[in-house]
Amino acid sequence: MKNLIITTTLLLSVVSISVAQKFAYIDTQYILLHVPEYADAQGELNDYASDWQEEIEEKYNSIQRLEEAFAAEKILLTVQMKQKRQTDIDNMKQQAMQMQKQKFGVEGELFNKREELIKPIQDDIYEAIKDVASSRGYMVVFDKAKQNNMLYTNPKYDVSDQVIKKLGFKPGETIEQPEKDSNQPKGNVDKGSSTSKGLGSGKPGSTVSPKGGRNKK
């Protein structure tokens, strides 16, 4: 009976270890810190967002100046002149709002540009994760950067470095990231997603400066 209990305990332990080894996790924020193309893409997106935001702000500044002039001169204007001035201001407001939506709205130009620049990087990371998972027999790979309910993770199950190596980079040699523009939407790196979460790394590493962003014409 004692031998049976010992044998059963050992079998359960083996099964538990076997099941535990079928799961792993990664940190996409940390992985992205190693990808120079991602830093370049972020810099380019920041340039686009900054240019567009500056143009939109100038439109609103022009509208404000017109409104102030209209308020100061209103008493001297005829009814027809007042109506025309108000119509002109309303049209300019509509144009500014339309441009803001066109550039920064859902499926706007920034969204599409992000899809164009970031999606290929996401696909490469996904394929690297899939290769690591397949070679090691993992059934599930969690993303620590996305799972807010992961209160504790054992570092021995972190395969981020393996994914980084699969991508052709050296773990620990991180890329200096451009400051994220406040106009850009936030999200997570995910297969089929078009946005990326703001970067930050809990792991130390050397820093390499990326190439510059988009050249402004």
N, C-alpha and C. Protein backbone atom coordinates (compact mmCIF):
# COMPACT_ATOMS: atom_id res chain seq x y z
N MET A 1 0.84 -1.21 0.00
CA MET A 1 0.00 0.00 0.00
C MET A 1 0.87 1.25 0.00
N LYS A 2 1.92 1.21 0.84
CA LYS A 2 2.84 2.35 0.93
C LYS A 2 3.53 2.58 -0.41
N ASN A 3 3.95 1.47 -1.05
CA ASN A 3 4.61 1.58 -2.36
C ASN A 3 3.65 2.15 -3.41
N LEU A 4 2.37 1.74 -3.32
CA LEU A 4 1.37 2.23 -4.26
C LEU A 4 1.19 3.74 -4.13
N ILE A 5 1.17 4.22 -2.88
CA ILE A 5 1.01 5.66 -2.63
C ILE A 5 2.21 6.43 -3.19
N ILE A 6 3.41 5.90 -2.96
CA ILE A 6 4.63 6.55 -3.46
C ILE A 6 4.63 6.60 -4.98
N THR A 7 4.27 5.45 -5.58
CA THR A 7 4.24 5.38 -7.05
C THR A 7 3.23 6.35 -7.63
N THR A 8 2.04 6.41 -7.01
CA THR A 8 0.99 7.33 -7.47
C THR A 8 1.44 8.78 -7.35
N THR A 9 2.10 9.09 -6.24
CA THR A 9 2.59 10.46 -6.02
C THR A 9 3.61 10.86 -7.08
N LEU A 10 4.53 9.92 -7.38
CA LEU A 10 5.55 10.18 -8.40
C LEU A 10 4.93 10.39 -9.77
N LEU A 11 3.93 9.57 -10.09
CA LEU A 11 3.25 9.71 -11.38
C LEU A 11 2.55 11.05 -11.50
N LEU A 12 1.88 11.44 -10.43
CA LEU A 12 1.20 12.74 -10.43
C LEU A 12 2.18 13.89 -10.58
N SER A 13 3.36 13.74 -9.96
CA SER A 13 4.38 14.78 -10.06
C SER A 13 4.89 14.89 -11.49
N VAL A 14 5.10 13.74 -12.14
CA VAL A 14 5.58 13.73 -13.52
C VAL A 14 4.55 14.36 -14.44
N VAL A 15 3.27 14.00 -14.23
CA VAL A 15 2.20 14.56 -15.04
C VAL A 15 2.11 16.07 -14.84
N SER A 16 2.25 16.52 -13.59
CA SER A 16 2.16 17.95 -13.30
C SER A 16 3.28 18.71 -13.98
N ILE A 17 4.52 18.14 -13.92
CA ILE A 17 5.66 18.78 -14.57
C ILE A 17 5.46 18.82 -16.07
N SER A 18 4.95 17.71 -16.62
CA SER A 18 4.73 17.62 -18.06
C SER A 18 3.73 18.67 -18.52
N VAL A 19 2.64 18.83 -17.75
CA VAL A 19 1.62 19.81 -18.11
C VAL A 19 2.17 21.22 -17.99
N ALA A 20 2.94 21.47 -16.89
CA ALA A 20 3.49 22.80 -16.67
C ALA A 20 4.41 23.21 -17.80
N GLN A 21 5.13 22.27 -18.37
CA GLN A 21 6.07 22.57 -19.43
C GLN A 21 5.36 22.87 -20.77
N LYS A 22 4.08 22.70 -20.82
CA LYS A 22 3.34 22.97 -22.04
C LYS A 22 2.96 24.46 -22.13
N PHE A 23 3.27 25.23 -21.10
CA PHE A 23 2.91 26.63 -21.07
C PHE A 23 4.16 27.49 -20.91
N ALA A 24 4.14 28.65 -21.54
CA ALA A 24 5.24 29.60 -21.42
C ALA A 24 4.67 31.00 -21.59
N TYR A 25 5.52 31.98 -21.39
CA TYR A 25 5.07 33.35 -21.61
C TYR A 25 6.18 34.19 -22.22
N ILE A 26 5.79 35.31 -22.82
CA ILE A 26 6.74 36.26 -23.40
C ILE A 26 6.37 37.65 -22.92
N ASP A 27 7.23 38.61 -23.20
CA ASP A 27 6.96 40.01 -22.91
C ASP A 27 7.18 40.78 -24.21
N THR A 28 6.11 41.10 -24.93
CA THR A 28 6.27 41.74 -26.23
C THR A 28 6.88 43.13 -26.12
N GLN A 29 6.65 43.81 -24.99
CA GLN A 29 7.28 45.12 -24.81
C GLN A 29 8.80 44.98 -24.81
N TYR A 30 9.28 43.99 -24.10
CA TYR A 30 10.72 43.73 -24.03
C TYR A 30 11.26 43.28 -25.39
N ILE A 31 10.51 42.44 -26.08
CA ILE A 31 10.95 41.97 -27.41
C ILE A 31 11.07 43.14 -28.38
N LEU A 32 10.07 44.02 -28.39
CA LEU A 32 10.07 45.15 -29.31
C LEU A 32 11.24 46.09 -29.07
N LEU A 33 11.74 46.13 -27.84
CA LEU A 33 12.90 46.97 -27.53
C LEU A 33 14.15 46.52 -28.28
N HIS A 34 14.12 45.32 -28.83
CA HIS A 34 15.28 44.77 -29.55
C HIS A 34 15.14 44.91 -31.07
N VAL A 35 14.02 45.43 -31.53
CA VAL A 35 13.75 45.46 -32.98
C VAL A 35 13.96 46.87 -33.52
N PRO A 36 15.05 47.12 -34.24
CA PRO A 36 15.31 48.48 -34.75
C PRO A 36 14.24 48.97 -35.71
N GLU A 37 13.64 48.05 -36.48
CA GLU A 37 12.59 48.46 -37.41
C GLU A 37 11.39 49.05 -36.68
N TYR A 38 11.14 48.55 -35.46
CA TYR A 38 10.02 49.07 -34.68
C TYR A 38 10.31 50.50 -34.22
N ALA A 39 11.55 50.75 -33.77
CA ALA A 39 11.93 52.10 -33.36
C ALA A 39 11.84 53.06 -34.54
N ASP A 40 12.29 52.61 -35.71
CA ASP A 40 12.21 53.44 -36.91
C ASP A 40 10.75 53.75 -37.26
N ALA A 41 9.90 52.72 -37.17
CA ALA A 41 8.49 52.90 -37.50
C ALA A 41 7.82 53.88 -36.52
N GLN A 42 8.15 53.74 -35.23
CA GLN A 42 7.58 54.64 -34.24
C GLN A 42 8.02 56.08 -34.50
N GLY A 43 9.30 56.26 -34.87
CA GLY A 43 9.79 57.59 -35.18
C GLY A 43 9.09 58.19 -36.38
N GLU A 44 8.84 57.37 -37.38
CA GLU A 44 8.15 57.84 -38.59
C GLU A 44 6.70 58.20 -38.28
N LEU A 45 6.04 57.37 -37.48
CA LEU A 45 4.67 57.66 -37.10
C LEU A 45 4.58 58.94 -36.29
N ASN A 46 5.54 59.14 -35.40
CA ASN A 46 5.57 60.37 -34.60
C ASN A 46 5.72 61.60 -35.49
N ASP A 47 6.55 61.48 -36.53
CA ASP A 47 6.74 62.59 -37.46
C ASP A 47 5.45 62.94 -38.18
N TYR A 48 4.77 61.92 -38.67
CA TYR A 48 3.49 62.15 -39.36
C TYR A 48 2.48 62.80 -38.41
N ALA A 49 2.36 62.24 -37.21
CA ALA A 49 1.39 62.76 -36.24
C ALA A 49 1.70 64.19 -35.86
N SER A 50 2.98 64.51 -35.68
CA SER A 50 3.39 65.86 -35.31
C SER A 50 3.06 66.86 -36.42
N ASP A 51 3.37 66.48 -37.67
CA ASP A 51 3.08 67.37 -38.80
C ASP A 51 1.59 67.64 -38.92
N TRP A 52 0.79 66.57 -38.84
CA TRP A 52 -0.65 66.71 -39.00
C TRP A 52 -1.26 67.51 -37.85
N GLN A 53 -0.79 67.24 -36.63
CA GLN A 53 -1.32 67.97 -35.48
C GLN A 53 -1.00 69.46 -35.57
N GLU A 54 0.19 69.77 -36.04
CA GLU A 54 0.59 71.17 -36.21
C GLU A 54 -0.31 71.87 -37.23
N GLU A 55 -0.62 71.16 -38.30
CA GLU A 55 -1.48 71.74 -39.34
C GLU A 55 -2.89 71.97 -38.82
N ILE A 56 -3.40 71.02 -38.05
CA ILE A 56 -4.75 71.15 -37.49
C ILE A 56 -4.81 72.28 -36.47
N GLU A 57 -3.80 72.38 -35.64
CA GLU A 57 -3.77 73.45 -34.64
C GLU A 57 -3.73 74.82 -35.31
N GLU A 58 -3.02 74.94 -36.42
CA GLU A 58 -2.97 76.20 -37.14
C GLU A 58 -4.35 76.58 -37.68
N LYS A 59 -5.10 75.58 -38.13
CA LYS A 59 -6.47 75.84 -38.59
C LYS A 59 -7.32 76.39 -37.46
N TYR A 60 -7.23 75.77 -36.27
CA TYR A 60 -8.02 76.24 -35.14
C TYR A 60 -7.57 77.61 -34.66
N ASN A 61 -6.29 77.90 -34.76
CA ASN A 61 -5.80 79.23 -34.40
C ASN A 61 -6.36 80.29 -35.35
N SER A 62 -6.42 79.95 -36.63
CA SER A 62 -7.00 80.87 -37.62
C SER A 62 -8.47 81.13 -37.32
N ILE A 63 -9.18 80.06 -36.96
CA ILE A 63 -10.60 80.19 -36.61
C ILE A 63 -10.77 81.11 -35.40
N GLN A 64 -9.92 80.94 -34.41
CA GLN A 64 -10.00 81.77 -33.21
C GLN A 64 -9.78 83.25 -33.54
N ARG A 65 -8.80 83.52 -34.41
CA ARG A 65 -8.55 84.90 -34.80
C ARG A 65 -9.75 85.50 -35.54
N LEU A 66 -10.36 84.72 -36.41
CA LEU A 66 -11.54 85.19 -37.13
C LEU A 66 -12.71 85.46 -36.19
N GLU A 67 -12.88 84.57 -35.21
CA GLU A 67 -13.97 84.75 -34.24
C GLU A 67 -13.76 86.01 -33.40
N GLU A 68 -12.53 86.26 -33.01
CA GLU A 68 -12.24 87.45 -32.23
C GLU A 68 -12.47 88.72 -33.05
N ALA A 69 -12.05 88.68 -34.32
CA ALA A 69 -12.27 89.84 -35.19
C ALA A 69 -13.76 90.05 -35.44
N PHE A 70 -14.47 88.96 -35.62
CA PHE A 70 -15.91 89.03 -35.86
C PHE A 70 -16.63 89.65 -34.66
N ALA A 71 -16.23 89.21 -33.46
CA ALA A 71 -16.85 89.74 -32.24
C ALA A 71 -16.59 91.24 -32.09
N ALA A 72 -15.39 91.67 -32.47
CA ALA A 72 -15.03 93.09 -32.34
C ALA A 72 -15.73 93.96 -33.37
N GLU A 73 -16.00 93.41 -34.55
CA GLU A 73 -16.56 94.21 -35.64
C GLU A 73 -18.06 93.99 -35.85
N LYS A 74 -18.62 93.09 -35.07
CA LYS A 74 -20.00 92.66 -35.30
C LYS A 74 -20.99 93.82 -35.30
N ILE A 75 -20.78 94.75 -34.41
CA ILE A 75 -21.72 95.86 -34.28
C ILE A 75 -21.75 96.75 -35.53
N LEU A 76 -20.68 96.73 -36.31
CA LEU A 76 -20.57 97.57 -37.50
C LEU A 76 -21.05 96.89 -38.77
N LEU A 77 -21.37 95.59 -38.69
CA LEU A 77 -21.70 94.82 -39.88
C LEU A 77 -23.20 94.77 -40.13
N THR A 78 -23.55 94.64 -41.40
CA THR A 78 -24.95 94.45 -41.76
C THR A 78 -25.35 93.00 -41.47
N VAL A 79 -26.62 92.72 -41.54
CA VAL A 79 -27.11 91.36 -41.28
C VAL A 79 -26.50 90.38 -42.27
N GLN A 80 -26.47 90.77 -43.55
CA GLN A 80 -25.90 89.89 -44.58
C GLN A 80 -24.41 89.63 -44.33
N MET A 81 -23.69 90.66 -43.94
CA MET A 81 -22.25 90.51 -43.66
C MET A 81 -22.01 89.60 -42.45
N LYS A 82 -22.85 89.76 -41.43
CA LYS A 82 -22.74 88.90 -40.24
C LYS A 82 -22.97 87.44 -40.61
N GLN A 83 -24.01 87.22 -41.42
CA GLN A 83 -24.32 85.85 -41.83
C GLN A 83 -23.17 85.23 -42.62
N LYS A 84 -22.58 86.03 -43.52
CA LYS A 84 -21.47 85.51 -44.33
C LYS A 84 -20.26 85.19 -43.46
N ARG A 85 -19.94 86.10 -42.55
CA ARG A 85 -18.78 85.87 -41.68
C ARG A 85 -18.99 84.63 -40.82
N GLN A 86 -20.20 84.47 -40.29
CA GLN A 86 -20.49 83.31 -39.44
C GLN A 86 -20.44 82.02 -40.24
N THR A 87 -20.96 82.08 -41.48
CA THR A 87 -20.92 80.91 -42.36
C THR A 87 -19.49 80.52 -42.67
N ASP A 88 -18.64 81.51 -42.95
CA ASP A 88 -17.23 81.23 -43.24
C ASP A 88 -16.55 80.56 -42.04
N ILE A 89 -16.82 81.06 -40.85
CA ILE A 89 -16.22 80.48 -39.64
C ILE A 89 -16.71 79.05 -39.42
N ASP A 90 -18.01 78.84 -39.62
CA ASP A 90 -18.58 77.50 -39.44
C ASP A 90 -17.97 76.51 -40.44
N ASN A 91 -17.78 76.97 -41.67
CA ASN A 91 -17.17 76.11 -42.70
C ASN A 91 -15.74 75.74 -42.34
N MET A 92 -14.98 76.72 -41.82
CA MET A 92 -13.60 76.45 -41.42
C MET A 92 -13.55 75.46 -40.25
N LYS A 93 -14.48 75.59 -39.33
CA LYS A 93 -14.54 74.65 -38.20
C LYS A 93 -14.82 73.24 -38.71
N GLN A 94 -15.76 73.16 -39.66
CA GLN A 94 -16.11 71.85 -40.22
C GLN A 94 -14.91 71.23 -40.93
N GLN A 95 -14.15 72.04 -41.67
CA GLN A 95 -12.97 71.54 -42.37
C GLN A 95 -11.90 71.06 -41.39
N ALA A 96 -11.72 71.80 -40.30
CA ALA A 96 -10.72 71.41 -39.29
C ALA A 96 -11.11 70.09 -38.63
N MET A 97 -12.40 69.96 -38.29
CA MET A 97 -12.87 68.73 -37.67
C MET A 97 -12.76 67.55 -38.63
N GLN A 98 -13.04 67.80 -39.90
CA GLN A 98 -12.96 66.75 -40.90
C GLN A 98 -11.51 66.29 -41.07
N MET A 99 -10.58 67.24 -41.07
CA MET A 99 -9.17 66.88 -41.20
C MET A 99 -8.70 66.08 -40.00
N GLN A 100 -9.14 66.49 -38.80
CA GLN A 100 -8.76 65.77 -37.58
C GLN A 100 -9.25 64.32 -37.64
N LYS A 101 -10.47 64.14 -38.11
CA LYS A 101 -11.03 62.80 -38.25
C LYS A 101 -10.29 62.00 -39.31
N GLN A 102 -9.97 62.67 -40.42
CA GLN A 102 -9.29 62.00 -41.53
C GLN A 102 -7.89 61.54 -41.13
N LYS A 103 -7.21 62.32 -40.32
CA LYS A 103 -5.84 61.99 -39.93
C LYS A 103 -5.78 61.05 -38.72
N PHE A 104 -6.60 61.35 -37.69
CA PHE A 104 -6.45 60.64 -36.42
C PHE A 104 -7.65 59.77 -36.05
N GLY A 105 -8.70 59.77 -36.86
CA GLY A 105 -9.88 58.99 -36.52
C GLY A 105 -9.69 57.50 -36.74
N VAL A 106 -10.71 56.75 -36.37
CA VAL A 106 -10.69 55.30 -36.57
C VAL A 106 -10.55 55.02 -38.07
N GLU A 107 -9.55 54.20 -38.40
CA GLU A 107 -9.22 53.89 -39.80
C GLU A 107 -8.84 55.14 -40.59
N GLY A 108 -8.31 56.15 -39.88
CA GLY A 108 -7.79 57.34 -40.53
C GLY A 108 -6.38 57.08 -41.07
N GLU A 109 -5.73 58.15 -41.53
CA GLU A 109 -4.43 58.00 -42.17
C GLU A 109 -3.37 57.49 -41.20
N LEU A 110 -3.42 57.94 -39.94
CA LEU A 110 -2.43 57.45 -38.97
C LEU A 110 -2.64 55.97 -38.68
N PHE A 111 -3.89 55.57 -38.58
CA PHE A 111 -4.23 54.16 -38.37
C PHE A 111 -3.69 53.31 -39.53
N ASN A 112 -3.93 53.77 -40.75
CA ASN A 112 -3.49 53.01 -41.91
C ASN A 112 -1.98 53.00 -42.05
N LYS A 113 -1.35 54.12 -41.72
CA LYS A 113 0.11 54.18 -41.77
C LYS A 113 0.73 53.25 -40.71
N ARG A 114 0.10 53.20 -39.54
CA ARG A 114 0.57 52.29 -38.50
C ARG A 114 0.42 50.83 -38.96
N GLU A 115 -0.69 50.54 -39.59
CA GLU A 115 -0.91 49.19 -40.12
C GLU A 115 0.17 48.83 -41.13
N GLU A 116 0.50 49.78 -41.98
CA GLU A 116 1.51 49.56 -43.01
C GLU A 116 2.91 49.33 -42.42
N LEU A 117 3.26 50.08 -41.38
CA LEU A 117 4.62 50.02 -40.83
C LEU A 117 4.78 48.95 -39.74
N ILE A 118 3.76 48.80 -38.90
CA ILE A 118 3.89 47.93 -37.73
C ILE A 118 3.47 46.49 -38.00
N LYS A 119 2.48 46.29 -38.86
CA LYS A 119 1.95 44.95 -39.10
C LYS A 119 3.03 43.95 -39.53
N PRO A 120 3.95 44.29 -40.46
CA PRO A 120 4.99 43.32 -40.83
C PRO A 120 5.87 42.92 -39.65
N ILE A 121 6.13 43.86 -38.74
CA ILE A 121 6.94 43.56 -37.55
C ILE A 121 6.17 42.61 -36.63
N GLN A 122 4.88 42.88 -36.46
CA GLN A 122 4.04 42.00 -35.65
C GLN A 122 4.01 40.58 -36.23
N ASP A 123 3.91 40.50 -37.54
CA ASP A 123 3.87 39.18 -38.18
C ASP A 123 5.17 38.42 -37.96
N ASP A 124 6.31 39.11 -38.04
CA ASP A 124 7.61 38.46 -37.80
C ASP A 124 7.70 37.94 -36.37
N ILE A 125 7.23 38.75 -35.42
CA ILE A 125 7.27 38.33 -34.02
C ILE A 125 6.34 37.13 -33.80
N TYR A 126 5.18 37.18 -34.41
CA TYR A 126 4.23 36.07 -34.28
C TYR A 126 4.84 34.77 -34.83
N GLU A 127 5.48 34.86 -35.98
CA GLU A 127 6.09 33.67 -36.57
C GLU A 127 7.22 33.14 -35.68
N ALA A 128 8.01 34.04 -35.09
CA ALA A 128 9.09 33.62 -34.19
C ALA A 128 8.52 32.93 -32.95
N ILE A 129 7.44 33.50 -32.41
CA ILE A 129 6.78 32.88 -31.25
C ILE A 129 6.26 31.50 -31.61
N LYS A 130 5.66 31.40 -32.78
CA LYS A 130 5.11 30.11 -33.22
C LYS A 130 6.21 29.06 -33.40
N ASP A 131 7.36 29.49 -33.93
CA ASP A 131 8.48 28.56 -34.11
C ASP A 131 9.02 28.07 -32.77
N VAL A 132 9.17 29.01 -31.83
CA VAL A 132 9.66 28.63 -30.50
C VAL A 132 8.68 27.69 -29.81
N ALA A 133 7.41 28.02 -29.90
CA ALA A 133 6.38 27.18 -29.27
C ALA A 133 6.34 25.79 -29.89
N SER A 134 6.46 25.74 -31.21
CA SER A 134 6.41 24.45 -31.90
C SER A 134 7.63 23.59 -31.56
N SER A 135 8.81 24.21 -31.52
CA SER A 135 10.03 23.44 -31.25
C SER A 135 10.10 22.94 -29.81
N ARG A 136 9.45 23.65 -28.91
CA ARG A 136 9.50 23.28 -27.49
C ARG A 136 8.22 22.59 -27.01
N GLY A 137 7.25 22.45 -27.91
CA GLY A 137 6.04 21.72 -27.56
C GLY A 137 5.10 22.47 -26.65
N TYR A 138 5.11 23.81 -26.70
CA TYR A 138 4.19 24.58 -25.88
C TYR A 138 2.80 24.60 -26.50
N MET A 139 1.79 24.37 -25.68
CA MET A 139 0.41 24.45 -26.14
C MET A 139 -0.07 25.89 -26.16
N VAL A 140 0.38 26.67 -25.18
CA VAL A 140 -0.06 28.05 -25.04
C VAL A 140 1.13 28.93 -24.68
N VAL A 141 1.20 30.10 -25.30
CA VAL A 141 2.21 31.10 -24.93
C VAL A 141 1.47 32.38 -24.58
N PHE A 142 1.59 32.80 -23.32
CA PHE A 142 0.92 34.00 -22.86
C PHE A 142 1.82 35.22 -23.13
N ASP A 143 1.18 36.38 -23.24
CA ASP A 143 1.92 37.64 -23.39
C ASP A 143 1.81 38.41 -22.08
N LYS A 144 2.92 38.51 -21.37
CA LYS A 144 2.94 39.20 -20.09
C LYS A 144 2.53 40.67 -20.24
N ALA A 145 2.86 41.27 -21.37
CA ALA A 145 2.55 42.69 -21.60
C ALA A 145 1.04 42.93 -21.72
N LYS A 146 0.29 41.89 -22.08
CA LYS A 146 -1.15 42.03 -22.29
C LYS A 146 -1.98 41.50 -21.14
N GLN A 147 -1.41 40.53 -20.40
CA GLN A 147 -2.18 39.87 -19.35
C GLN A 147 -2.07 40.64 -18.04
N ASN A 148 -3.02 41.54 -17.79
CA ASN A 148 -2.99 42.34 -16.57
C ASN A 148 -3.24 41.52 -15.32
N ASN A 149 -3.81 40.32 -15.49
CA ASN A 149 -4.13 39.49 -14.33
C ASN A 149 -3.01 38.50 -13.99
N MET A 150 -1.85 38.60 -14.66
CA MET A 150 -0.73 37.73 -14.32
C MET A 150 0.02 38.34 -13.13
N LEU A 151 -0.37 37.95 -11.92
CA LEU A 151 0.18 38.54 -10.71
C LEU A 151 1.61 38.08 -10.43
N TYR A 152 1.95 36.87 -10.88
CA TYR A 152 3.30 36.35 -10.68
C TYR A 152 3.69 35.48 -11.87
N THR A 153 4.93 35.64 -12.31
CA THR A 153 5.44 34.80 -13.39
C THR A 153 6.82 34.29 -13.02
N ASN A 154 7.04 33.02 -13.22
CA ASN A 154 8.33 32.43 -12.94
C ASN A 154 9.26 32.66 -14.14
N PRO A 155 10.38 33.34 -13.94
CA PRO A 155 11.27 33.68 -15.06
C PRO A 155 11.71 32.48 -15.90
N LYS A 156 11.73 31.28 -15.31
CA LYS A 156 12.20 30.13 -16.08
C LYS A 156 11.23 29.75 -17.21
N TYR A 157 10.01 30.27 -17.14
CA TYR A 157 9.04 30.00 -18.21
C TYR A 157 8.96 31.16 -19.21
N ASP A 158 9.84 32.15 -19.05
CA ASP A 158 9.87 33.30 -19.97
C ASP A 158 10.75 32.93 -21.17
N VAL A 159 10.14 32.88 -22.36
CA VAL A 159 10.88 32.51 -23.57
C VAL A 159 11.10 33.73 -24.48
N SER A 160 11.03 34.92 -23.89
CA SER A 160 11.22 36.14 -24.68
C SER A 160 12.58 36.16 -25.36
N ASP A 161 13.63 35.75 -24.62
CA ASP A 161 14.97 35.76 -25.20
C ASP A 161 15.09 34.80 -26.37
N GLN A 162 14.40 33.66 -26.28
CA GLN A 162 14.42 32.71 -27.39
C GLN A 162 13.76 33.30 -28.64
N VAL A 163 12.69 34.05 -28.41
CA VAL A 163 12.00 34.70 -29.53
C VAL A 163 12.91 35.78 -30.15
N ILE A 164 13.60 36.52 -29.30
CA ILE A 164 14.52 37.56 -29.77
C ILE A 164 15.63 36.94 -30.62
N LYS A 165 16.18 35.83 -30.16
CA LYS A 165 17.22 35.13 -30.93
C LYS A 165 16.66 34.62 -32.26
N LYS A 166 15.43 34.13 -32.23
CA LYS A 166 14.81 33.64 -33.45
C LYS A 166 14.63 34.77 -34.47
N LEU A 167 14.44 35.98 -33.96
CA LEU A 167 14.32 37.15 -34.83
C LEU A 167 15.66 37.63 -35.35
N GLY A 168 16.75 37.09 -34.78
CA GLY A 168 18.08 37.45 -35.25
C GLY A 168 18.76 38.54 -34.44
N PHE A 169 18.24 38.81 -33.23
CA PHE A 169 18.83 39.85 -32.39
C PHE A 169 19.42 39.25 -31.12
N LYS A 170 20.21 40.04 -30.42
CA LYS A 170 20.87 39.57 -29.21
C LYS A 170 20.12 40.08 -27.99
N PRO A 171 19.63 39.18 -27.13
CA PRO A 171 18.91 39.60 -25.93
C PRO A 171 19.75 40.54 -25.07
N GLY A 172 19.14 41.62 -24.62
CA GLY A 172 19.83 42.59 -23.78
C GLY A 172 20.31 43.81 -24.53
N GLU A 173 20.49 43.69 -25.85
CA GLU A 173 20.92 44.83 -26.66
C GLU A 173 19.68 45.54 -27.19
N THR A 174 19.15 46.44 -26.36
CA THR A 174 17.90 47.10 -26.70
C THR A 174 18.15 48.36 -27.52
N ILE A 175 17.10 48.79 -28.20
CA ILE A 175 17.14 49.96 -29.07
C ILE A 175 16.52 51.15 -28.35
N GLU A 176 17.16 52.29 -28.45
CA GLU A 176 16.59 53.51 -27.88
C GLU A 176 15.33 53.87 -28.63
N GLN A 177 14.23 53.99 -27.89
CA GLN A 177 12.94 54.24 -28.52
C GLN A 177 12.64 55.72 -28.60
N PRO A 178 12.05 56.19 -29.72
CA PRO A 178 11.63 57.59 -29.81
C PRO A 178 10.49 57.85 -28.85
N GLU A 179 10.40 59.08 -28.37
CA GLU A 179 9.32 59.43 -27.47
C GLU A 179 7.99 59.28 -28.17
N LYS A 180 7.06 58.59 -27.54
CA LYS A 180 5.78 58.30 -28.17
C LYS A 180 4.94 59.55 -28.25
N ASP A 181 4.42 59.84 -29.46
CA ASP A 181 3.60 61.02 -29.65
C ASP A 181 2.25 60.82 -28.99
N SER A 182 1.78 61.87 -28.30
CA SER A 182 0.53 61.77 -27.54
C SER A 182 -0.69 61.59 -28.42
N ASN A 183 -0.54 61.90 -29.74
CA ASN A 183 -1.68 61.78 -30.64
C ASN A 183 -1.88 60.36 -31.14
N GLN A 184 -0.91 59.49 -30.91
CA GLN A 184 -1.00 58.16 -31.47
C GLN A 184 -1.82 57.24 -30.58
N PRO A 185 -2.67 56.40 -31.17
CA PRO A 185 -3.48 55.48 -30.38
C PRO A 185 -2.64 54.41 -29.74
N LYS A 186 -3.16 53.82 -28.65
CA LYS A 186 -2.43 52.77 -27.95
C LYS A 186 -3.13 51.44 -28.12
N GLY A 187 -2.33 50.33 -27.99
CA GLY A 187 -2.89 48.99 -28.12
C GLY A 187 -1.85 47.99 -27.73
N ASN A 188 -2.00 46.81 -28.21
CA ASN A 188 -1.05 45.76 -27.89
C ASN A 188 -0.59 45.06 -29.15
N VAL A 189 0.57 44.53 -29.06
CA VAL A 189 1.05 43.72 -30.17
C VAL A 189 0.28 42.41 -30.15
N ASP A 190 -0.34 42.10 -31.25
CA ASP A 190 -1.11 40.87 -31.32
C ASP A 190 -1.24 40.48 -32.78
N LYS A 191 -1.38 39.21 -33.03
CA LYS A 191 -1.57 38.73 -34.39
C LYS A 191 -2.85 39.32 -34.94
N GLY A 192 -2.71 40.10 -36.03
CA GLY A 192 -3.88 40.69 -36.65
C GLY A 192 -4.20 42.08 -36.12
N SER A 193 -3.50 42.52 -35.07
CA SER A 193 -3.75 43.85 -34.55
C SER A 193 -2.94 44.86 -35.31
N SER A 194 -3.32 46.14 -35.21
CA SER A 194 -2.60 47.16 -35.96
C SER A 194 -1.94 48.17 -35.05
N THR A 195 -2.02 47.99 -33.74
CA THR A 195 -1.41 48.94 -32.84
C THR A 195 -0.46 48.25 -31.90
N SER A 196 0.36 49.03 -31.22
CA SER A 196 1.34 48.50 -30.32
C SER A 196 1.33 49.26 -29.02
N LYS A 197 1.56 48.54 -27.98
CA LYS A 197 1.52 49.13 -26.67
C LYS A 197 2.74 49.99 -26.43
N GLY A 198 2.61 51.02 -25.60
CA GLY A 198 3.74 51.86 -25.25
C GLY A 198 4.85 51.03 -24.64
N LEU A 199 6.11 51.37 -24.93
CA LEU A 199 7.21 50.53 -24.55
C LEU A 199 7.68 50.80 -23.14
N GLY A 200 8.25 49.77 -22.56
CA GLY A 200 8.87 49.86 -21.25
C GLY A 200 9.44 48.50 -20.96
N SER A 201 10.58 48.44 -20.32
CA SER A 201 11.18 47.14 -20.09
C SER A 201 11.64 47.02 -18.65
N GLY A 202 11.33 45.89 -18.07
CA GLY A 202 11.81 45.61 -16.73
C GLY A 202 13.14 44.89 -16.76
N LYS A 203 13.70 44.68 -17.96
CA LYS A 203 14.94 43.94 -18.07
C LYS A 203 16.05 44.88 -18.50
N PRO A 204 17.24 44.78 -17.86
CA PRO A 204 18.35 45.66 -18.22
C PRO A 204 18.95 45.27 -19.54
N GLY A 205 19.64 46.22 -20.17
CA GLY A 205 20.33 45.91 -21.42
C GLY A 205 21.04 47.13 -21.95
N SER A 206 21.98 46.92 -22.87
CA SER A 206 22.67 48.04 -23.48
C SER A 206 21.73 48.73 -24.45
N THR A 207 22.07 49.94 -24.85
CA THR A 207 21.20 50.72 -25.72
C THR A 207 21.91 51.10 -26.99
N VAL A 208 21.20 50.95 -28.11
CA VAL A 208 21.73 51.30 -29.41
C VAL A 208 20.79 52.31 -30.04
N SER A 209 21.30 53.39 -30.58
CA SER A 209 20.45 54.42 -31.18
C SER A 209 19.92 53.94 -32.51
N PRO A 210 18.64 54.16 -32.79
CA PRO A 210 18.05 53.74 -34.06
C PRO A 210 18.34 54.74 -35.15
N LYS A 211 17.99 54.36 -36.37
CA LYS A 211 18.08 55.29 -37.48
C LYS A 211 17.01 56.37 -37.30
N GLY A 212 17.17 57.47 -37.98
CA GLY A 212 16.24 58.59 -37.84
C GLY A 212 14.89 58.26 -38.42
N GLY A 213 13.93 59.14 -38.11
CA GLY A 213 12.57 58.93 -38.60
C GLY A 213 12.44 59.44 -40.02
N ARG A 214 11.20 59.70 -40.44
CA ARG A 214 10.91 60.11 -41.80
C ARG A 214 11.51 61.48 -42.08
N ASN A 215 12.11 61.62 -43.25
CA ASN A 215 12.61 62.93 -43.66
C ASN A 215 11.44 63.78 -44.10
N LYS A 216 11.34 64.96 -43.52
CA LYS A 216 10.24 65.87 -43.86
C LYS A 216 10.57 66.59 -45.16
N LYS A 217 9.60 66.71 -46.00
CA LYS A 217 9.77 67.42 -47.26
C LYS A 217 9.36 68.88 -47.07
